[in-house]
Protein backbone atom coordinates (compact mmCIF):
# COMPACT_ATOMS: atom_id res chain seq x y z
CA MET A 1 -26.43 -29.26 -67.48
CA ALA A 2 -27.85 -26.41 -65.41
CA LYS A 3 -26.73 -28.10 -62.19
CA ILE A 4 -23.24 -28.70 -63.58
CA VAL A 5 -22.84 -25.11 -64.74
CA TYR A 6 -24.11 -23.68 -61.45
CA ALA A 7 -21.92 -25.95 -59.32
CA CYS A 8 -18.84 -25.24 -61.43
CA GLY A 9 -19.42 -21.48 -61.39
CA ASP A 10 -20.02 -21.47 -57.63
CA SER A 11 -17.01 -23.62 -56.73
CA ARG A 12 -13.29 -22.91 -56.67
CA SER A 13 -12.47 -25.97 -58.77
CA GLU A 14 -14.06 -28.66 -60.90
CA LYS A 15 -13.21 -31.22 -58.22
CA ARG A 16 -15.16 -29.29 -55.59
CA ALA A 17 -18.03 -28.90 -58.08
CA GLN A 18 -18.02 -32.67 -58.55
CA VAL A 19 -18.31 -33.23 -54.80
CA SER A 20 -21.16 -30.72 -54.48
CA LEU A 21 -23.03 -32.27 -57.38
CA GLU A 22 -22.77 -35.72 -55.81
CA LYS A 23 -23.46 -34.85 -52.17
CA VAL A 24 -26.07 -32.13 -52.64
CA GLY A 25 -27.46 -32.51 -56.13
CA ASP A 26 -27.39 -36.33 -56.24
CA VAL A 27 -25.69 -36.11 -59.65
CA GLN A 28 -22.67 -38.26 -60.45
CA VAL A 29 -20.54 -36.98 -63.35
CA SER A 30 -16.87 -37.19 -64.25
CA LEU A 31 -14.45 -34.29 -64.06
CA LYS A 32 -14.12 -34.38 -67.86
CA THR A 33 -17.88 -33.98 -68.24
CA ILE A 34 -17.89 -31.02 -65.86
CA GLU A 35 -15.02 -29.44 -67.79
CA ARG A 36 -16.66 -30.01 -71.19
CA VAL A 37 -20.11 -28.74 -70.18
CA SER A 38 -18.82 -25.66 -68.39
CA HIS A 39 -16.52 -24.75 -71.29
CA ASP A 40 -19.27 -25.25 -73.88
CA VAL A 41 -21.82 -23.18 -71.98
CA GLY A 42 -19.17 -20.61 -71.15
CA ALA A 43 -18.37 -20.23 -74.86
CA GLU A 44 -22.07 -19.63 -75.58
CA MET A 45 -22.28 -17.00 -72.81
CA LYS A 46 -19.12 -15.34 -74.12
CA ALA A 47 -20.63 -15.17 -77.61
CA LEU A 48 -23.80 -13.66 -76.18
CA ARG A 49 -21.72 -11.06 -74.34
CA ASP A 50 -19.33 -10.15 -77.16
CA CYS A 51 -21.43 -10.30 -80.32
CA ALA A 52 -24.19 -8.10 -81.64
CA PRO A 53 -27.54 -9.95 -81.65
CA SER A 54 -27.66 -9.80 -85.45
CA ARG A 55 -24.51 -11.94 -85.62
CA LEU A 56 -25.66 -14.60 -83.18
CA PRO A 57 -27.49 -17.85 -84.01
CA ARG A 58 -31.19 -17.39 -83.32
CA SER A 59 -31.06 -20.09 -80.62
CA LEU A 60 -28.65 -17.96 -78.56
CA VAL A 61 -30.56 -14.69 -78.78
CA PRO A 62 -32.68 -14.28 -75.62
CA PRO A 63 -36.19 -12.92 -76.09
CA PRO A 64 -36.64 -9.21 -75.32
CA PRO A 65 -38.50 -8.26 -72.13
CA ALA A 66 -42.23 -7.72 -72.40
CA ALA A 67 -41.86 -4.09 -71.29
CA PRO A 68 -39.13 -1.74 -70.07
CA PRO A 69 -38.52 -1.77 -66.30
CA LYS A 70 -39.99 0.98 -64.15
CA LEU A 71 -36.54 1.56 -62.67
CA ALA A 72 -33.37 0.52 -64.51
CA VAL A 73 -30.15 0.52 -62.49
CA VAL A 74 -26.67 0.01 -63.93
CA MET A 75 -23.83 -0.61 -61.49
CA VAL A 76 -20.20 -0.87 -62.57
CA ASP A 77 -16.95 -1.52 -60.74
CA GLY A 78 -13.45 -2.83 -61.27
CA GLY A 79 -11.69 -5.59 -59.37
CA ARG A 80 -8.58 -7.75 -59.37
CA MET A 81 -8.10 -11.42 -60.10
CA MET A 82 -5.14 -13.74 -60.52
CA THR A 83 -4.81 -15.16 -64.05
CA ARG A 84 -2.56 -17.61 -65.87
CA GLN A 85 -1.58 -17.94 -69.50
CA PRO A 86 -3.79 -20.51 -71.28
CA GLY A 87 -2.65 -23.09 -73.80
CA LYS A 88 0.64 -23.93 -72.08
CA GLY A 89 -0.15 -27.38 -70.73
CA PRO A 90 -0.80 -28.52 -67.16
CA GLY A 91 0.18 -26.23 -64.33
CA VAL A 92 0.19 -22.47 -63.84
CA HIS A 93 2.13 -20.39 -66.36
CA GLU A 94 2.81 -16.63 -66.36
CA GLN A 95 0.74 -15.98 -63.28
CA ALA A 96 -0.30 -12.31 -62.93
CA TRP A 97 -2.88 -9.95 -61.46
CA ARG A 98 -5.31 -8.36 -63.91
CA GLU A 99 -8.20 -5.93 -63.60
CA THR A 100 -11.69 -7.26 -64.03
CA LYS A 101 -14.58 -5.14 -65.27
CA ASN A 102 -17.93 -5.96 -63.68
CA ALA A 103 -21.42 -4.59 -64.28
CA SER A 104 -24.83 -5.35 -62.85
CA PHE A 105 -28.08 -4.54 -64.65
CA GLU A 106 -31.07 -4.49 -62.30
CA SER A 107 -34.77 -4.04 -62.97
CA MET A 108 -36.43 -2.68 -59.83
CA THR A 109 -39.70 -1.43 -58.46
CA HIS A 110 -40.02 2.34 -58.36
CA HIS A 111 -41.59 4.77 -55.89
CA THR A 112 -41.48 8.56 -55.64
CA PHE A 113 -41.98 10.72 -52.57
CA ASP A 114 -42.52 14.39 -51.87
CA VAL A 115 -39.92 14.43 -49.07
CA ASP A 116 -36.55 12.83 -48.38
CA LEU A 117 -37.12 9.51 -46.59
CA GLN A 118 -33.85 9.77 -44.66
CA PRO A 119 -32.48 13.32 -44.65
CA ILE A 120 -30.08 12.69 -41.75
CA LEU A 121 -26.77 10.89 -42.26
CA PRO A 122 -27.24 7.25 -41.13
CA ALA A 123 -25.97 6.52 -37.63
CA CYS A 124 -23.34 4.05 -38.87
CA PHE A 125 -21.53 6.90 -40.64
CA GLN A 126 -21.53 8.93 -37.42
CA GLU A 127 -19.67 6.29 -35.38
CA PRO A 128 -15.88 6.93 -35.25
CA GLN A 129 -14.90 3.26 -35.03
CA HIS A 130 -17.14 2.19 -37.89
CA VAL A 131 -15.92 4.99 -40.14
CA ALA A 132 -12.32 4.07 -39.33
CA GLU A 133 -13.04 0.48 -40.39
CA ILE A 134 -14.48 1.70 -43.69
CA VAL A 135 -11.45 3.86 -44.40
CA GLY A 136 -8.97 1.31 -43.07
CA THR A 137 -7.28 3.54 -40.50
CA ALA A 138 -7.16 4.15 -36.76
CA ALA A 139 -10.24 5.76 -35.24
CA LEU A 140 -10.04 9.40 -34.23
CA ASN A 141 -9.85 10.09 -30.52
CA VAL A 142 -13.35 11.48 -30.13
CA PRO A 143 -16.30 10.38 -27.97
CA THR A 144 -18.62 7.81 -29.49
CA PRO A 145 -21.97 9.58 -29.96
CA ASN A 146 -25.12 8.20 -28.41
CA ILE A 147 -27.35 8.35 -31.45
CA ALA A 148 -30.97 7.50 -30.78
CA LYS A 149 -32.78 5.87 -33.64
CA LYS A 150 -35.36 8.27 -34.99
CA LYS A 151 -38.59 7.16 -36.52
CA SER A 152 -38.59 7.86 -40.22
CA ILE A 153 -41.08 7.68 -43.03
CA ARG A 154 -39.44 4.39 -43.94
CA ASP A 155 -40.77 2.85 -40.70
CA GLU A 156 -44.31 3.77 -41.70
CA ASP A 157 -44.08 2.52 -45.27
CA ALA A 158 -43.49 -1.16 -45.85
CA SER A 159 -42.00 -0.77 -49.31
CA PRO A 160 -40.34 2.56 -50.06
CA ARG A 161 -37.03 1.05 -51.07
CA PRO A 162 -36.66 -0.31 -54.60
CA VAL A 163 -36.95 -4.09 -54.77
CA ARG A 164 -34.80 -5.93 -57.27
CA LEU A 165 -36.92 -7.93 -59.71
CA LEU A 166 -34.30 -9.17 -62.17
CA ARG A 167 -30.52 -8.93 -62.39
CA THR A 168 -28.13 -9.84 -65.17
CA CYS A 169 -24.37 -9.38 -64.92
CA LEU A 170 -21.34 -8.86 -67.11
CA SER A 171 -17.70 -9.55 -66.26
CA SER A 172 -14.72 -9.29 -68.55
CA LEU A 173 -10.96 -8.74 -68.72
CA VAL A 174 -11.19 -6.48 -71.78
CA ASN A 175 -10.30 -2.79 -71.62
CA SER A 176 -12.89 -0.25 -70.54
CA SER A 177 -13.70 0.84 -74.12
CA LEU A 178 -14.72 -2.67 -75.16
CA PHE A 179 -16.48 -3.23 -71.87
CA GLY A 180 -18.55 -0.12 -72.52
CA VAL A 181 -19.71 -1.65 -75.79
CA GLN A 182 -20.70 -4.83 -73.95
CA MET A 183 -22.55 -2.83 -71.30
CA ASN A 184 -24.42 -0.78 -73.88
CA ARG A 185 -25.47 -3.93 -75.71
CA GLU A 186 -26.77 -5.59 -72.53
CA ALA A 187 -28.63 -2.45 -71.42
CA ARG A 188 -30.36 -2.19 -74.80
CA ARG A 189 -31.22 -5.88 -74.75
CA ARG A 190 -32.94 -5.29 -71.41
CA CYS A 191 -34.73 -2.17 -72.76
CA PHE A 192 -33.07 -0.01 -70.10
CA PRO A 193 -32.94 3.20 -72.21
CA LYS A 194 -36.76 3.14 -72.34
CA ALA A 195 -37.21 2.82 -68.57
CA ALA A 196 -39.24 5.50 -66.79
CA ALA A 197 -36.46 6.04 -64.23
CA LYS A 198 -32.77 5.25 -64.69
CA ALA A 199 -29.72 5.30 -62.41
CA PHE A 200 -26.00 4.68 -62.95
CA LEU A 201 -23.89 3.78 -59.90
CA GLY A 202 -20.09 3.72 -59.81
CA ASP A 203 -17.07 4.58 -57.71
CA GLY A 204 -14.52 7.31 -58.42
CA LEU A 205 -12.62 5.52 -61.20
CA ALA A 206 -12.48 7.79 -64.23
CA TRP A 207 -13.35 5.07 -66.74
CA ASN A 208 -16.68 4.45 -64.99
CA TRP A 209 -17.80 7.99 -65.72
CA THR A 210 -16.38 7.95 -69.23
CA LEU A 211 -18.73 5.04 -69.94
CA TRP A 212 -21.60 6.90 -68.29
CA LYS A 213 -21.07 9.97 -70.47
CA LYS A 214 -20.78 7.92 -73.66
CA TYR A 215 -23.45 5.25 -73.21
CA PHE A 216 -25.69 6.23 -70.27
CA PRO A 217 -25.96 10.06 -70.25
CA THR A 218 -29.71 9.96 -69.52
CA PHE A 219 -29.15 7.86 -66.38
CA GLU A 220 -28.95 9.65 -63.03
CA PRO A 221 -25.27 9.46 -61.97
CA ILE A 222 -24.76 8.25 -58.40
CA LEU A 223 -21.42 7.91 -56.65
CA ASP A 224 -20.98 4.91 -54.38
CA PHE A 225 -21.38 6.65 -51.01
CA MET A 226 -18.75 4.49 -49.31
CA HIS A 227 -16.12 6.05 -51.58
CA ALA A 228 -17.33 9.55 -50.76
CA ILE A 229 -17.02 8.72 -47.05
CA GLU A 230 -13.43 7.54 -47.51
CA TYR A 231 -12.32 10.69 -49.28
CA VAL A 232 -14.03 13.30 -47.13
CA PHE A 233 -12.72 11.60 -43.99
CA ALA A 234 -9.16 11.52 -45.34
CA ALA A 235 -9.40 15.17 -46.41
CA ALA A 236 -10.73 16.24 -43.01
CA VAL A 237 -7.89 14.45 -41.22
CA VAL A 238 -5.28 16.10 -43.47
CA MET A 239 -6.77 19.57 -43.11
CA HIS A 240 -6.96 19.28 -39.30
CA ALA A 241 -3.80 17.26 -38.65
CA GLY A 242 -3.37 16.49 -34.96
CA GLN A 243 -6.78 17.94 -34.07
CA ASP A 244 -9.05 14.91 -33.85
CA ALA A 245 -12.12 16.79 -32.61
CA ALA A 246 -11.89 19.40 -35.37
CA ALA A 247 -11.23 16.73 -38.00
CA TRP A 248 -14.26 14.70 -36.85
CA ALA A 249 -16.54 17.73 -36.84
CA CYS A 250 -15.36 18.64 -40.35
CA TYR A 251 -15.94 15.06 -41.56
CA LEU A 252 -19.46 14.98 -40.11
CA LYS A 253 -20.36 18.26 -41.80
CA TRP A 254 -19.04 17.14 -45.18
CA ALA A 255 -20.53 13.65 -44.91
CA GLN A 256 -23.96 15.13 -44.17
CA GLN A 257 -23.66 17.54 -47.10
CA CYS A 258 -22.67 14.69 -49.44
CA TRP A 259 -25.55 12.57 -48.14
CA SER A 260 -27.96 15.45 -48.78
CA GLY A 261 -26.64 15.97 -52.30
CA ASP A 262 -24.94 19.27 -51.43
CA VAL A 263 -21.53 18.32 -52.80
CA GLY A 264 -21.33 21.83 -54.22
CA LYS A 265 -20.77 23.08 -50.68
CA VAL A 266 -17.91 20.65 -50.00
CA ILE A 267 -15.73 21.16 -53.06
CA PRO A 268 -15.23 24.95 -52.61
CA GLU A 269 -13.90 24.36 -49.10
CA LEU A 270 -11.43 21.80 -50.39
CA LEU A 271 -10.29 24.10 -53.20
CA ALA A 272 -9.91 27.01 -50.77
CA TRP A 273 -7.65 24.93 -48.53
CA LEU A 274 -5.52 23.84 -51.50
CA LYS A 275 -5.17 27.46 -52.54
CA LEU A 276 -4.19 28.42 -49.02
CA LYS A 277 -1.46 25.76 -49.08
CA ASP A 278 -0.42 26.84 -52.58
CA ILE A 279 -1.22 23.40 -54.02
CA ASP A 280 -2.37 23.06 -57.62
CA PRO A 281 -5.68 21.11 -57.45
CA ASN A 282 -4.97 19.58 -60.87
CA ALA A 283 -1.48 18.36 -59.95
CA PRO A 284 -0.79 14.88 -58.54
CA LEU A 285 -0.53 15.15 -54.77
CA ARG A 286 2.60 14.08 -52.90
CA TRP A 287 2.98 13.26 -49.24
CA SER A 288 5.26 16.31 -48.93
CA HIS A 289 2.14 18.46 -49.38
CA TRP A 290 0.95 17.29 -45.99
């Protein structure tokens, strides 16, 4: 059953799962068996995700961890997937894109240090072409810097970065309010609120931080740095339109400040520019502003 569920979850179709099971796993099963097993196990996993432990059969309630993790990390993000309306017979009916909600719960090793292990913005975020690829735009016309790799504390310590020990995941098509309930239940099941160190990672979507405020307020909030890079680069280009060198210098300054945790130095500059252009910072922006 474990092989069937894994193959079906890792494949695009039950037919491909059947081929993988036969060629790699040396297991010969019919398509109907694959469908039945995956649906049955999926229903059990759905019940585990959606129901409070007190309402579940004892056989479905996983045992609690022996101890809280030293470092508990919650990551959340939204996505898109194509869906179809079920219960309408063979074929695809009412095909549509819908938003998925996804969360990862990771127990990790934990280390603390008296100094910042990497105070300087990583070299990859100082390369014009690489930054342009992240943002999805043309690279600015500036020289590519020759950045020499500097020896850091990380090179002298074999294990400063957290190492993932255990990960469980949630995915759902429910709205963010219900997904927050699911996330809170899974975090408590994993004893995350009792962890010595806690972190919550998300992008700029408002619902991510609504869930953080409601269910994970004691977790250190961390913005996905790739999203910060995208926005400060776009803002620098807008503020220095047609001046690639000035825009790049502005981006590098802001990116370094964000990397160092000095976001409080970036936001006032942005607000000052909006005020100069007589743009309400709380109003939706239009291309005419630029």
